[in-house]
C-alpha cells in the first residue's frame, strides 16, 4: 500500500509563498490537485516518475512549480499566492506517466493539506 503524506499547508497572506511537500512510501509519478470551497477538485500540477516532464494548470502556471528530489518526495512551490488559491491540496501517485492531468489516472491519494490565503 502506497502512503502519501502532505505537509506544508497553512495560513498566509496574498502575495506570499508556500511550499507543499508530498512524501511517498514509493517512487511514482505524482500530481497535485486541489479542491476550492464550493468547487470540484481540479488539477494543479504533475511530474513524471523520472522528473523529466512537468505539467501545470493554466491557472497556476508561472506562479506554481512542481519538483521532486532524488528520492520519493515531491514539492509544490507556490509563489504570488492569491485568495482564490485557498483550497485543500492533495497529492496523488500514479503508476503510469499518462494523463497526469486527470484524477482518474491516480491510484493513491493523500489526506490533503489546507492552504488558506488571506487577502
PDB file of N, CA and C in Angstrom:
ATOM      1  N   UNK A   1       0.849  -1.185   0.000  1.00  0.00           N
ATOM      2  CA  UNK A   1       0.000   0.000   0.000  1.00  0.00           C
ATOM      3  C   UNK A   1       0.890   1.242   0.000  1.00  0.00           C
ATOM      4  N   UNK A   2       0.695   2.085  -0.990  1.00  0.00           N
ATOM      5  CA  UNK A   2       1.463   3.324  -1.072  1.00  0.00           C
ATOM      6  C   UNK A   2       0.896   4.332  -0.091  1.00  0.00           C
ATOM      7  N   UNK A   3       1.771   4.965   0.628  1.00  0.00           N
ATOM      8  CA  UNK A   3       1.343   6.011   1.556  1.00  0.00           C
ATOM      9  C   UNK A   3       1.853   7.362   1.076  1.00  0.00           C
ATOM     10  N   UNK A   4       0.980   8.341   1.130  1.00  0.00           N
ATOM     11  CA  UNK A   4       1.321   9.701   0.737  1.00  0.00           C
ATOM     12  C   UNK A   4       0.981  10.625   1.892  1.00  0.00           C
ATOM     13  N   UNK A   5       1.938  11.442   2.264  1.00  0.00           N
ATOM     14  CA  UNK A   5       1.720  12.366   3.373  1.00  0.00           C
ATOM     15  C   UNK A   5       2.062  13.773   2.900  1.00  0.00           C
ATOM     16  N   UNK A   6       1.033  14.635   2.888  1.00  0.00           N
ATOM     17  CA  UNK A   6       1.247  16.022   2.511  1.00  0.00           C
ATOM     18  C   UNK A   6       1.586  16.840   3.756  1.00  0.00           C
ATOM     19  N   UNK A   7       2.373  17.869   3.543  1.00  0.00           N
ATOM     20  CA  UNK A   7       2.680  18.801   4.624  1.00  0.00           C
ATOM     21  C   UNK A   7       3.014  20.155   4.023  1.00  0.00           C
ATOM     22  N   UNK A   8       3.026  21.162   4.872  1.00  0.00           N
ATOM     23  CA  UNK A   8       3.427  22.489   4.439  1.00  0.00           C
ATOM     24  C   UNK A   8       2.301  23.477   4.277  1.00  0.00           C
ATOM     25  N   UNK A   9       1.067  23.018   4.438  1.00  0.00           N
ATOM     26  CA  UNK A   9      -0.048  23.940   4.317  1.00  0.00           C
ATOM     27  C   UNK A   9      -0.088  24.918   5.478  1.00  0.00           C
ATOM     28  N   UNK A  10      -0.923  25.924   5.334  1.00  0.00           N
ATOM     29  CA  UNK A  10      -1.048  26.899   6.402  1.00  0.00           C
ATOM     30  C   UNK A  10      -1.788  28.126   5.958  1.00  0.00           C
ATOM     31  N   UNK A  11      -1.742  29.136   6.808  1.00  0.00           N
ATOM     32  CA  UNK A  11      -2.402  30.412   6.540  1.00  0.00           C
ATOM     33  C   UNK A  11      -1.342  31.429   6.154  1.00  0.00           C
ATOM     34  N   UNK A  12      -1.517  32.030   4.996  1.00  0.00           N
ATOM     35  CA  UNK A  12      -0.573  33.033   4.519  1.00  0.00           C
ATOM     36  C   UNK A  12      -1.355  34.223   3.969  1.00  0.00           C
ATOM     37  N   UNK A  13      -0.635  35.271   3.655  1.00  0.00           N
ATOM     38  CA  UNK A  13      -1.263  36.442   3.064  1.00  0.00           C
ATOM     39  C   UNK A  13      -1.067  36.438   1.548  1.00  0.00           C
ATOM     40  N   UNK A  14      -1.936  37.128   0.871  1.00  0.00           N
ATOM     41  CA  UNK A  14      -1.812  37.248  -0.579  1.00  0.00           C
ATOM     42  C   UNK A  14      -0.435  37.799  -0.935  1.00  0.00           C
ATOM     43  N   UNK A  15       0.162  37.181  -1.947  1.00  0.00           N
ATOM     44  CA  UNK A  15       1.495  37.583  -2.371  1.00  0.00           C
ATOM     45  C   UNK A  15       2.604  36.767  -1.745  1.00  0.00           C
ATOM     46  N   UNK A  16       2.283  36.025  -0.702  1.00  0.00           N
ATOM     47  CA  UNK A  16       3.286  35.196  -0.027  1.00  0.00           C
ATOM     48  C   UNK A  16       3.580  33.934  -0.826  1.00  0.00           C
ATOM     49  N   UNK A  17       4.581  33.217  -0.347  1.00  0.00           N
ATOM     50  CA  UNK A  17       4.970  31.933  -0.944  1.00  0.00           C
ATOM     51  C   UNK A  17       4.815  30.818   0.076  1.00  0.00           C
ATOM     52  N   UNK A  18       4.628  29.632  -0.442  1.00  0.00           N
ATOM     53  CA  UNK A  18       4.465  28.459   0.403  1.00  0.00           C
ATOM     54  C   UNK A  18       4.922  27.260  -0.411  1.00  0.00           C
ATOM     55  N   UNK A  19       5.529  26.296   0.258  1.00  0.00           N
ATOM     56  CA  UNK A  19       5.923  25.060  -0.420  1.00  0.00           C
ATOM     57  C   UNK A  19       5.266  23.872   0.261  1.00  0.00           C
ATOM     58  N   UNK A  20       4.553  23.104  -0.523  1.00  0.00           N
ATOM     59  CA  UNK A  20       3.942  21.877  -0.040  1.00  0.00           C
ATOM     60  C   UNK A  20       4.858  20.702  -0.355  1.00  0.00           C
ATOM     61  N   UNK A  21       4.840  19.725   0.520  1.00  0.00           N
ATOM     62  CA  UNK A  21       5.620  18.509   0.317  1.00  0.00           C
ATOM     63  C   UNK A  21       4.706  17.300   0.290  1.00  0.00           C
ATOM     64  N   UNK A  22       5.071  16.349  -0.524  1.00  0.00           N
ATOM     65  CA  UNK A  22       4.342  15.084  -0.598  1.00  0.00           C
ATOM     66  C   UNK A  22       5.375  13.981  -0.436  1.00  0.00           C
ATOM     67  N   UNK A  23       5.363  13.350   0.711  1.00  0.00           N
ATOM     68  CA  UNK A  23       6.310  12.264   0.993  1.00  0.00           C
ATOM     69  C   UNK A  23       5.633  10.937   0.695  1.00  0.00           C
ATOM     70  N   UNK A  24       6.219  10.202  -0.219  1.00  0.00           N
ATOM     71  CA  UNK A  24       5.632   8.932  -0.643  1.00  0.00           C
ATOM     72  C   UNK A  24       6.456   7.762  -0.129  1.00  0.00           C
ATOM     73  N   UNK A  25       5.777   6.650   0.068  1.00  0.00           N
ATOM     74  CA  UNK A  25       6.476   5.442   0.520  1.00  0.00           C
ATOM     75  C   UNK A  25       7.158   4.733  -0.640  1.00  0.00           C
ATOM     76  N   UNK A  26       6.735   5.082  -1.868  1.00  0.00           N
ATOM     77  CA  UNK A  26       7.359   4.530  -3.070  1.00  0.00           C
ATOM     78  C   UNK A  26       7.514   5.667  -4.074  1.00  0.00           C
ATOM     79  N   UNK A  27       8.329   5.425  -5.084  1.00  0.00           N
ATOM     80  CA  UNK A  27       8.517   6.454  -6.108  1.00  0.00           C
ATOM     81  C   UNK A  27       7.551   6.207  -7.262  1.00  0.00           C
ATOM     82  N   UNK A  28       6.718   7.235  -7.549  1.00  0.00           N
ATOM     83  CA  UNK A  28       5.732   7.157  -8.621  1.00  0.00           C
ATOM     84  C   UNK A  28       5.665   8.501  -9.318  1.00  0.00           C
ATOM     85  N   UNK A  29       4.948   8.563 -10.383  1.00  0.00           N
ATOM     86  CA  UNK A  29       4.531   9.856 -10.925  1.00  0.00           C
ATOM     87  C   UNK A  29       3.578  10.473  -9.905  1.00  0.00           C
ATOM     88  N   UNK A  30       3.668  11.764  -9.727  1.00  0.00           N
ATOM     89  CA  UNK A  30       2.872  12.425  -8.682  1.00  0.00           C
ATOM     90  C   UNK A  30       2.179  13.654  -9.244  1.00  0.00           C
ATOM     91  N   UNK A  31       0.976  13.830  -8.798  1.00  0.00           N
ATOM     92  CA  UNK A  31       0.227  15.019  -9.169  1.00  0.00           C
ATOM     93  C   UNK A  31      -0.281  15.739  -7.943  1.00  0.00           C
ATOM     94  N   UNK A  32      -0.514  17.022  -8.104  1.00  0.00           N
ATOM     95  CA  UNK A  32      -1.176  17.828  -7.079  1.00  0.00           C
ATOM     96  C   UNK A  32      -2.534  18.260  -7.617  1.00  0.00           C
ATOM     97  N   UNK A  33      -3.529  18.117  -6.794  1.00  0.00           N
ATOM     98  CA  UNK A  33      -4.873  18.570  -7.101  1.00  0.00           C
ATOM     99  C   UNK A  33      -5.342  19.440  -5.938  1.00  0.00           C
ATOM    100  N   UNK A  34      -6.374  20.192  -6.185  1.00  0.00           N
ATOM    101  CA  UNK A  34      -6.941  20.989  -5.101  1.00  0.00           C
ATOM    102  C   UNK A  34      -8.450  21.036  -5.205  1.00  0.00           C
ATOM    103  N   UNK A  35      -9.045  21.263  -4.051  1.00  0.00           N
ATOM    104  CA  UNK A  35     -10.487  21.453  -4.012  1.00  0.00           C
ATOM    105  C   UNK A  35     -10.749  22.773  -3.322  1.00  0.00           C
ATOM    106  N   UNK A  36     -11.172  23.730  -4.115  1.00  0.00           N
ATOM    107  CA  UNK A  36     -11.503  25.043  -3.573  1.00  0.00           C
ATOM    108  C   UNK A  36     -12.915  25.027  -3.016  1.00  0.00           C
ATOM    109  N   UNK A  37     -13.224  25.892  -2.069  1.00  0.00           N
ATOM    110  CA  UNK A  37     -14.564  25.904  -1.464  1.00  0.00           C
ATOM    111  C   UNK A  37     -15.655  26.017  -2.517  1.00  0.00           C
ATOM    112  N   UNK A  38     -16.570  25.085  -2.487  1.00  0.00           N
ATOM    113  CA  UNK A  38     -17.713  25.125  -3.391  1.00  0.00           C
ATOM    114  C   UNK A  38     -17.401  24.696  -4.815  1.00  0.00           C
ATOM    115  N   UNK A  39     -16.209  24.173  -5.057  1.00  0.00           N
ATOM    116  CA  UNK A  39     -15.840  23.795  -6.416  1.00  0.00           C
ATOM    117  C   UNK A  39     -15.425  22.324  -6.486  1.00  0.00           C
ATOM    118  N   UNK A  40     -15.372  21.851  -7.708  1.00  0.00           N
ATOM    119  CA  UNK A  40     -14.908  20.482  -7.926  1.00  0.00           C
ATOM    120  C   UNK A  40     -13.385  20.416  -7.770  1.00  0.00           C
ATOM    121  N   UNK A  41     -12.913  19.219  -7.511  1.00  0.00           N
ATOM    122  CA  UNK A  41     -11.475  19.000  -7.469  1.00  0.00           C
ATOM    123  C   UNK A  41     -10.870  19.336  -8.832  1.00  0.00           C
ATOM    124  N   UNK A  42      -9.704  19.970  -8.815  1.00  0.00           N
ATOM    125  CA  UNK A  42      -9.087  20.358 -10.076  1.00  0.00           C
ATOM    126  C   UNK A  42      -7.593  20.058 -10.068  1.00  0.00           C
ATOM    127  N   UNK A  43      -7.102  19.822 -11.244  1.00  0.00           N
ATOM    128  CA  UNK A  43      -5.683  19.555 -11.432  1.00  0.00           C
ATOM    129  C   UNK A  43      -4.873  20.819 -11.198  1.00  0.00           C
ATOM    130  N   UNK A  44      -3.717  20.662 -10.552  1.00  0.00           N
ATOM    131  CA  UNK A  44      -2.822  21.789 -10.321  1.00  0.00           C
ATOM    132  C   UNK A  44      -1.487  21.578 -11.043  1.00  0.00           C
ATOM    133  N   UNK A  45      -0.851  20.453 -10.778  1.00  0.00           N
ATOM    134  CA  UNK A  45       0.460  20.201 -11.381  1.00  0.00           C
ATOM    135  C   UNK A  45       0.786  18.721 -11.269  1.00  0.00           C
ATOM    136  N   UNK A  46       1.699  18.258 -12.117  1.00  0.00           N
ATOM    137  CA  UNK A  46       2.118  16.862 -12.074  1.00  0.00           C
ATOM    138  C   UNK A  46       3.552  16.736 -12.557  1.00  0.00           C
ATOM    139  N   UNK A  47       4.172  15.658 -12.127  1.00  0.00           N
ATOM    140  CA  UNK A  47       5.550  15.393 -12.525  1.00  0.00           C
ATOM    141  C   UNK A  47       5.692  13.902 -12.762  1.00  0.00           C
ATOM    142  N   UNK A  48       6.415  13.552 -13.810  1.00  0.00           N
ATOM    143  CA  UNK A  48       6.572  12.153 -14.146  1.00  0.00           C
ATOM    144  C   UNK A  48       7.532  11.451 -13.183  1.00  0.00           C
ATOM    145  N   UNK A  49       7.567  10.147 -13.316  1.00  0.00           N
ATOM    146  CA  UNK A  49       8.387   9.332 -12.422  1.00  0.00           C
ATOM    147  C   UNK A  49       9.835   9.813 -12.382  1.00  0.00           C
ATOM    148  N   UNK A  50      10.408  10.092 -13.540  1.00  0.00           N
ATOM    149  CA  UNK A  50      11.807  10.491 -13.605  1.00  0.00           C
ATOM    150  C   UNK A  50      12.009  11.954 -13.242  1.00  0.00           C
ATOM    151  N   UNK A  51      10.942  12.711 -13.318  1.00  0.00           N
ATOM    152  CA  UNK A  51      11.046  14.152 -13.100  1.00  0.00           C
ATOM    153  C   UNK A  51      11.354  14.924 -14.365  1.00  0.00           C
ATOM    154  N   UNK A  52      11.470  14.224 -15.476  1.00  0.00           N
ATOM    155  CA  UNK A  52      11.845  14.892 -16.718  1.00  0.00           C
ATOM    156  C   UNK A  52      10.736  15.761 -17.277  1.00  0.00           C
ATOM    157  N   UNK A  53       9.501  15.398 -17.019  1.00  0.00           N
ATOM    158  CA  UNK A  53       8.365  16.160 -17.549  1.00  0.00           C
ATOM    159  C   UNK A  53       7.489  16.681 -16.421  1.00  0.00           C
ATOM    160  N   UNK A  54       7.089  17.925 -16.568  1.00  0.00           N
ATOM    161  CA  UNK A  54       6.254  18.581 -15.569  1.00  0.00           C
ATOM    162  C   UNK A  54       5.085  19.246 -16.272  1.00  0.00           C
ATOM    163  N   UNK A  55       3.967  19.282 -15.601  1.00  0.00           N
ATOM    164  CA  UNK A  55       2.762  19.864 -16.166  1.00  0.00           C
ATOM    165  C   UNK A  55       2.131  20.773 -15.114  1.00  0.00           C
ATOM    166  N   UNK A  56       1.634  21.915 -15.564  1.00  0.00           N
ATOM    167  CA  UNK A  56       0.987  22.857 -14.658  1.00  0.00           C
ATOM    168  C   UNK A  56      -0.308  23.346 -15.273  1.00  0.00           C
ATOM    169  N   UNK A  57      -1.309  23.498 -14.452  1.00  0.00           N
ATOM    170  CA  UNK A  57      -2.577  24.056 -14.917  1.00  0.00           C
ATOM    171  C   UNK A  57      -2.383  25.508 -15.312  1.00  0.00           C
ATOM    172  N   UNK A  58      -3.189  25.955 -16.245  1.00  0.00           N
ATOM    173  CA  UNK A  58      -3.093  27.345 -16.714  1.00  0.00           C
ATOM    174  C   UNK A  58      -3.271  28.343 -15.579  1.00  0.00           C
ATOM    175  N   UNK A  59      -4.101  27.993 -14.636  1.00  0.00           N
ATOM    176  CA  UNK A  59      -4.415  28.918 -13.546  1.00  0.00           C
ATOM    177  C   UNK A  59      -3.234  29.157 -12.604  1.00  0.00           C
ATOM    178  N   UNK A  60      -2.258  28.268 -12.640  1.00  0.00           N
ATOM    179  CA  UNK A  60      -1.124  28.407 -11.721  1.00  0.00           C
ATOM    180  C   UNK A  60       0.209  28.540 -12.440  1.00  0.00           C
ATOM    181  N   UNK A  61       0.189  28.370 -13.748  1.00  0.00           N
ATOM    182  CA  UNK A  61       1.450  28.401 -14.499  1.00  0.00           C
ATOM    183  C   UNK A  61       2.117  29.768 -14.323  1.00  0.00           C
ATOM    184  N   UNK A  62       3.410  29.720 -14.042  1.00  0.00           N
ATOM    185  CA  UNK A  62       4.156  30.948 -13.793  1.00  0.00           C
ATOM    186  C   UNK A  62       4.195  31.329 -12.326  1.00  0.00           C
ATOM    187  N   UNK A  63       3.326  30.749 -11.528  1.00  0.00           N
ATOM    188  CA  UNK A  63       3.312  31.033 -10.090  1.00  0.00           C
ATOM    189  C   UNK A  63       3.687  29.794  -9.276  1.00  0.00           C
ATOM    190  N   UNK A  64       3.208  28.630  -9.710  1.00  0.00           N
ATOM    191  CA  UNK A  64       3.483  27.376  -9.012  1.00  0.00           C
ATOM    192  C   UNK A  64       4.481  26.556  -9.825  1.00  0.00           C
ATOM    193  N   UNK A  65       5.311  25.819  -9.125  1.00  0.00           N
ATOM    194  CA  UNK A  65       6.268  24.931  -9.788  1.00  0.00           C
ATOM    195  C   UNK A  65       6.339  23.614  -9.029  1.00  0.00           C
ATOM    196  N   UNK A  66       6.225  22.532  -9.755  1.00  0.00           N
ATOM    197  CA  UNK A  66       6.347  21.211  -9.153  1.00  0.00           C
ATOM    198  C   UNK A  66       7.777  20.714  -9.351  1.00  0.00           C
ATOM    199  N   UNK A  67       8.289  20.022  -8.350  1.00  0.00           N
ATOM    200  CA  UNK A  67       9.629  19.447  -8.448  1.00  0.00           C
ATOM    201  C   UNK A  67       9.690  18.203  -7.588  1.00  0.00           C
ATOM    202  N   UNK A  68      10.764  17.458  -7.749  1.00  0.00           N
ATOM    203  CA  UNK A  68      10.935  16.282  -6.908  1.00  0.00           C
ATOM    204  C   UNK A  68      12.412  16.128  -6.590  1.00  0.00           C
ATOM    205  N   UNK A  69      12.676  15.480  -5.462  1.00  0.00           N
ATOM    206  CA  UNK A  69      14.064  15.245  -5.104  1.00  0.00           C
ATOM    207  C   UNK A  69      14.492  13.887  -5.668  1.00  0.00           C
ATOM    208  N   UNK A  70      15.655  13.431  -5.306  1.00  0.00           N
ATOM    209  CA  UNK A  70      16.178  12.184  -5.866  1.00  0.00           C
ATOM    210  C   UNK A  70      15.543  10.955  -5.228  1.00  0.00           C
ATOM    211  N   UNK A  71      14.756  11.193  -4.212  1.00  0.00           N
ATOM    212  CA  UNK A  71      14.124  10.062  -3.517  1.00  0.00           C
ATOM    213  C   UNK A  71      12.632  10.002  -3.851  1.00  0.00           C
ATOM    214  N   UNK A  72      11.821  10.204  -2.862  1.00  0.00           N
ATOM    215  CA  UNK A  72      10.389   9.967  -3.054  1.00  0.00           C
ATOM    216  C   UNK A  72       9.518  11.154  -2.676  1.00  0.00           C
ATOM    217  N   UNK A  73      10.115  12.304  -2.515  1.00  0.00           N
ATOM    218  CA  UNK A  73       9.342  13.478  -2.108  1.00  0.00           C
ATOM    219  C   UNK A  73       9.136  14.423  -3.284  1.00  0.00           C
ATOM    220  N   UNK A  74       7.931  14.892  -3.425  1.00  0.00           N
ATOM    221  CA  UNK A  74       7.569  15.843  -4.467  1.00  0.00           C
ATOM    222  C   UNK A  74       7.115  17.133  -3.794  1.00  0.00           C
ATOM    223  N   UNK A  75       7.484  18.240  -4.406  1.00  0.00           N
ATOM    224  CA  UNK A  75       7.179  19.546  -3.839  1.00  0.00           C
ATOM    225  C   UNK A  75       6.296  20.350  -4.783  1.00  0.00           C
ATOM    226  N   UNK A  76       5.515  21.210  -4.189  1.00  0.00           N
ATOM    227  CA  UNK A  76       4.764  22.199  -4.956  1.00  0.00           C
ATOM    228  C   UNK A  76       5.145  23.563  -4.396  1.00  0.00           C
ATOM    229  N   UNK A  77       5.923  24.286  -5.168  1.00  0.00           N
ATOM    230  CA  UNK A  77       6.365  25.616  -4.768  1.00  0.00           C
ATOM    231  C   UNK A  77       5.337  26.616  -5.271  1.00  0.00           C
ATOM    232  N   UNK A  78       4.737  27.330  -4.346  1.00  0.00           N
ATOM    233  CA  UNK A  78       3.664  28.243  -4.691  1.00  0.00           C
ATOM    234  C   UNK A  78       4.097  29.677  -4.375  1.00  0.00           C
ATOM    235  N   UNK A  79       4.151  30.492  -5.395  1.00  0.00           N
ATOM    236  CA  UNK A  79       4.535  31.895  -5.250  1.00  0.00           C
ATOM    237  C   UNK A  79       3.364  32.801  -5.622  1.00  0.00           C
ATOM    238  N   UNK A  80       3.442  34.033  -5.206  1.00  0.00           N
ATOM    239  CA  UNK A  80       2.415  35.032  -5.535  1.00  0.00           C
ATOM    240  C   UNK A  80       1.024  34.487  -5.272  1.00  0.00           C
ATOM    241  N   UNK A  81       0.842  33.946  -4.113  1.00  0.00           N
ATOM    242  CA  UNK A  81      -0.440  33.326  -3.784  1.00  0.00           C
ATOM    243  C   UNK A  81      -1.566  34.348  -3.782  1.00  0.00           C
ATOM    244  N   UNK A  82      -2.722  33.862  -4.212  1.00  0.00           N
ATOM    245  CA  UNK A  82      -3.924  34.697  -4.286  1.00  0.00           C
ATOM    246  C   UNK A  82      -4.998  34.085  -3.387  1.00  0.00           C
ATOM    247  N   UNK A  83      -5.955  34.885  -3.048  1.00  0.00           N
ATOM    248  CA  UNK A  83      -7.057  34.387  -2.218  1.00  0.00           C
ATOM    249  C   UNK A  83      -7.749  33.199  -2.885  1.00  0.00           C
ATOM    250  N   UNK A  84      -7.838  33.230  -4.195  1.00  0.00           N
ATOM    251  CA  UNK A  84      -8.507  32.133  -4.907  1.00  0.00           C
ATOM    252  C   UNK A  84      -7.707  30.840  -4.941  1.00  0.00           C
ATOM    253  N   UNK A  85      -6.491  30.867  -4.416  1.00  0.00           N
ATOM    254  CA  UNK A  85      -5.715  29.637  -4.269  1.00  0.00           C
ATOM    255  C   UNK A  85      -6.081  28.889  -2.986  1.00  0.00           C
ATOM    256  N   UNK A  86      -6.922  29.495  -2.172  1.00  0.00           N
ATOM    257  CA  UNK A  86      -7.371  28.842  -0.954  1.00  0.00           C
ATOM    258  C   UNK A  86      -8.074  27.537  -1.291  1.00  0.00           C
ATOM    259  N   UNK A  87      -7.590  26.449  -0.705  1.00  0.00           N
ATOM    260  CA  UNK A  87      -8.122  25.131  -1.051  1.00  0.00           C
ATOM    261  C   UNK A  87      -7.476  24.085  -0.155  1.00  0.00           C
ATOM    262  N   UNK A  88      -8.030  22.893  -0.225  1.00  0.00           N
ATOM    263  CA  UNK A  88      -7.337  21.721   0.300  1.00  0.00           C
ATOM    264  C   UNK A  88      -6.541  21.133  -0.862  1.00  0.00           C
ATOM    265  N   UNK A  89      -5.264  20.967  -0.643  1.00  0.00           N
ATOM    266  CA  UNK A  89      -4.374  20.457  -1.691  1.00  0.00           C
ATOM    267  C   UNK A  89      -4.062  18.982  -1.408  1.00  0.00           C
ATOM    268  N   UNK A  90      -4.207  18.186  -2.443  1.00  0.00           N
ATOM    269  CA  UNK A  90      -3.975  16.752  -2.347  1.00  0.00           C
ATOM    270  C   UNK A  90      -2.850  16.339  -3.283  1.00  0.00           C
ATOM    271  N   UNK A  91      -2.013  15.459  -2.824  1.00  0.00           N
ATOM    272  CA  UNK A  91      -1.093  14.840  -3.755  1.00  0.00           C
ATOM    273  C   UNK A  91      -1.586  13.430  -4.045  1.00  0.00           C
ATOM    274  N   UNK A  92      -1.234  12.953  -5.224  1.00  0.00           N
ATOM    275  CA  UNK A  92      -1.683  11.649  -5.672  1.00  0.00           C
ATOM    276  C   UNK A  92      -0.555  10.977  -6.434  1.00  0.00           C
ATOM    277  N   UNK A  93      -0.535   9.652  -6.405  1.00  0.00           N
ATOM    278  CA  UNK A  93       0.511   8.882  -7.061  1.00  0.00           C
ATOM    279  C   UNK A  93      -0.068   8.002  -8.145  1.00  0.00           C
ATOM    280  N   UNK A  94       0.657   7.920  -9.249  1.00  0.00           N
ATOM    281  CA  UNK A  94       0.231   7.120 -10.383  1.00  0.00           C
ATOM    282  C   UNK A  94       1.349   6.186 -10.815  1.00  0.00           C
ATOM    283  N   UNK A  95       0.978   4.996 -11.224  1.00  0.00           N
ATOM    284  CA  UNK A  95       1.976   4.032 -11.695  1.00  0.00           C
ATOM    285  C   UNK A  95       2.323   4.240 -13.160  1.00  0.00           C
ATOM    286  N   UNK A  96       1.557   5.101 -13.837  1.00  0.00           N
ATOM    287  CA  UNK A  96       1.820   5.417 -15.229  1.00  0.00           C
ATOM    288  C   UNK A  96       2.082   6.904 -15.379  1.00  0.00           C
ATOM    289  N   UNK A  97       2.809   7.282 -16.417  1.00  0.00           N
ATOM    290  CA  UNK A  97       3.066   8.696 -16.692  1.00  0.00           C
ATOM    291  C   UNK A  97       2.023   9.315 -17.617  1.00  0.00           C
ATOM    292  N   UNK A  98       0.971   8.559 -17.939  1.00  0.00           N
ATOM    293  CA  UNK A  98      -0.024   9.039 -18.898  1.00  0.00           C
ATOM    294  C   UNK A  98      -1.147   9.796 -18.207  1.00  0.00           C
ATOM    295  N   UNK A  99      -1.673  10.790 -18.928  1.00  0.00           N
ATOM    296  CA  UNK A  99      -2.863  11.527 -18.487  1.00  0.00           C
ATOM    297  C   UNK A  99      -2.741  12.055 -17.072  1.00  0.00           C
ATOM    298  N   UNK A 100      -1.623  12.582 -16.734  1.00  0.00           N
ATOM    299  CA  UNK A 100      -1.383  13.013 -15.358  1.00  0.00           C
ATOM    300  C   UNK A 100      -2.184  14.256 -14.977  1.00  0.00           C
ATOM    301  N   UNK A 101      -2.877  14.860 -15.916  1.00  0.00           N
ATOM    302  CA  UNK A 101      -3.762  15.978 -15.570  1.00  0.00           C
ATOM    303  C   UNK A 101      -5.175  15.505 -15.236  1.00  0.00           C
ATOM    304  N   UNK A 102      -5.377  14.219 -15.223  1.00  0.00           N
ATOM    305  CA  UNK A 102      -6.694  13.646 -14.939  1.00  0.00           C
ATOM    306  C   UNK A 102      -6.664  12.882 -13.627  1.00  0.00           C
ATOM    307  N   UNK A 103      -7.644  13.130 -12.778  1.00  0.00           N
ATOM    308  CA  UNK A 103      -7.682  12.487 -11.466  1.00  0.00           C
ATOM    309  C   UNK A 103      -7.779  10.965 -11.577  1.00  0.00           C
ATOM    310  N   UNK A 104      -8.454  10.495 -12.630  1.00  0.00           N
ATOM    311  CA  UNK A 104      -8.659   9.053 -12.759  1.00  0.00           C
ATOM    312  C   UNK A 104      -7.360   8.294 -12.981  1.00  0.00           C
ATOM    313  N   UNK A 105      -6.293   8.996 -13.378  1.00  0.00           N
ATOM    314  CA  UNK A 105      -5.019   8.330 -13.655  1.00  0.00           C
ATOM    315  C   UNK A 105      -4.285   7.919 -12.385  1.00  0.00           C
ATOM    316  N   UNK A 106      -4.745   8.376 -11.241  1.00  0.00           N
ATOM    317  CA  UNK A 106      -4.028   8.173  -9.988  1.00  0.00           C
ATOM    318  C   UNK A 106      -4.664   7.087  -9.128  1.00  0.00           C
ATOM    319  N   UNK A 107      -3.835   6.205  -8.628  1.00  0.00           N
ATOM    320  CA  UNK A 107      -4.316   5.103  -7.809  1.00  0.00           C
ATOM    321  C   UNK A 107      -4.316   5.425  -6.318  1.00  0.00           C
ATOM    322  N   UNK A 108      -3.462   6.338  -5.921  1.00  0.00           N
ATOM    323  CA  UNK A 108      -3.290   6.584  -4.490  1.00  0.00           C
ATOM    324  C   UNK A 108      -3.401   8.083  -4.207  1.00  0.00           C
ATOM    325  N   UNK A 109      -4.011   8.388  -3.080  1.00  0.00           N
ATOM    326  CA  UNK A 109      -4.246   9.779  -2.712  1.00  0.00           C
ATOM    327  C   UNK A 109      -3.857  10.023  -1.257  1.00  0.00           C
ATOM    328  N   UNK A 110      -3.352  11.228  -1.022  1.00  0.00           N
ATOM    329  CA  UNK A 110      -3.086  11.640   0.340  1.00  0.00           C
ATOM    330  C   UNK A 110      -4.333  12.205   0.992  1.00  0.00           C
ATOM    331  N   UNK A 111      -4.183  12.605   2.237  1.00  0.00           N
ATOM    332  CA  UNK A 111      -5.321  13.104   3.015  1.00  0.00           C
ATOM    333  C   UNK A 111      -5.592  14.585   2.766  1.00  0.00           C
ATOM    334  N   UNK A 112      -4.640  15.276   2.220  1.00  0.00           N
ATOM    335  CA  UNK A 112      -4.831  16.687   1.914  1.00  0.00           C
ATOM    336  C   UNK A 112      -4.253  17.608   2.973  1.00  0.00           C
ATOM    337  N   UNK A 113      -3.900  18.800   2.537  1.00  0.00           N
ATOM    338  CA  UNK A 113      -3.410  19.825   3.453  1.00  0.00           C
ATOM    339  C   UNK A 113      -4.062  21.146   3.086  1.00  0.00           C
ATOM    340  N   UNK A 114      -4.502  21.870   4.095  1.00  0.00           N
ATOM    341  CA  UNK A 114      -5.246  23.108   3.869  1.00  0.00           C
ATOM    342  C   UNK A 114      -4.287  24.262   3.607  1.00  0.00           C
ATOM    343  N   UNK A 115      -4.577  25.008   2.566  1.00  0.00           N
ATOM    344  CA  UNK A 115      -3.872  26.258   2.285  1.00  0.00           C
ATOM    345  C   UNK A 115      -4.908  27.366   2.281  1.00  0.00           C
ATOM    346  N   UNK A 116      -4.700  28.348   3.122  1.00  0.00           N
ATOM    347  CA  UNK A 116      -5.603  29.484   3.204  1.00  0.00           C
ATOM    348  C   UNK A 116      -4.819  30.752   2.935  1.00  0.00           C
ATOM    349  N   UNK A 117      -5.290  31.509   1.951  1.00  0.00           N
ATOM    350  CA  UNK A 117      -4.632  32.751   1.580  1.00  0.00           C
ATOM    351  C   UNK A 117      -5.570  33.899   1.905  1.00  0.00           C
ATOM    352  N   UNK A 118      -5.138  34.763   2.789  1.00  0.00           N
ATOM    353  CA  UNK A 118      -5.969  35.902   3.167  1.00  0.00           C
ATOM    354  C   UNK A 118      -5.634  37.086   2.276  1.00  0.00           C
ATOM    355  N   UNK A 119      -6.661  37.814   1.907  1.00  0.00           N
ATOM    356  CA  UNK A 119      -6.466  38.968   1.007  1.00  0.00           C
ATOM    357  C   UNK A 119      -6.330  40.260   1.788  1.00  0.00           C
TER     358      UNK A 119
END
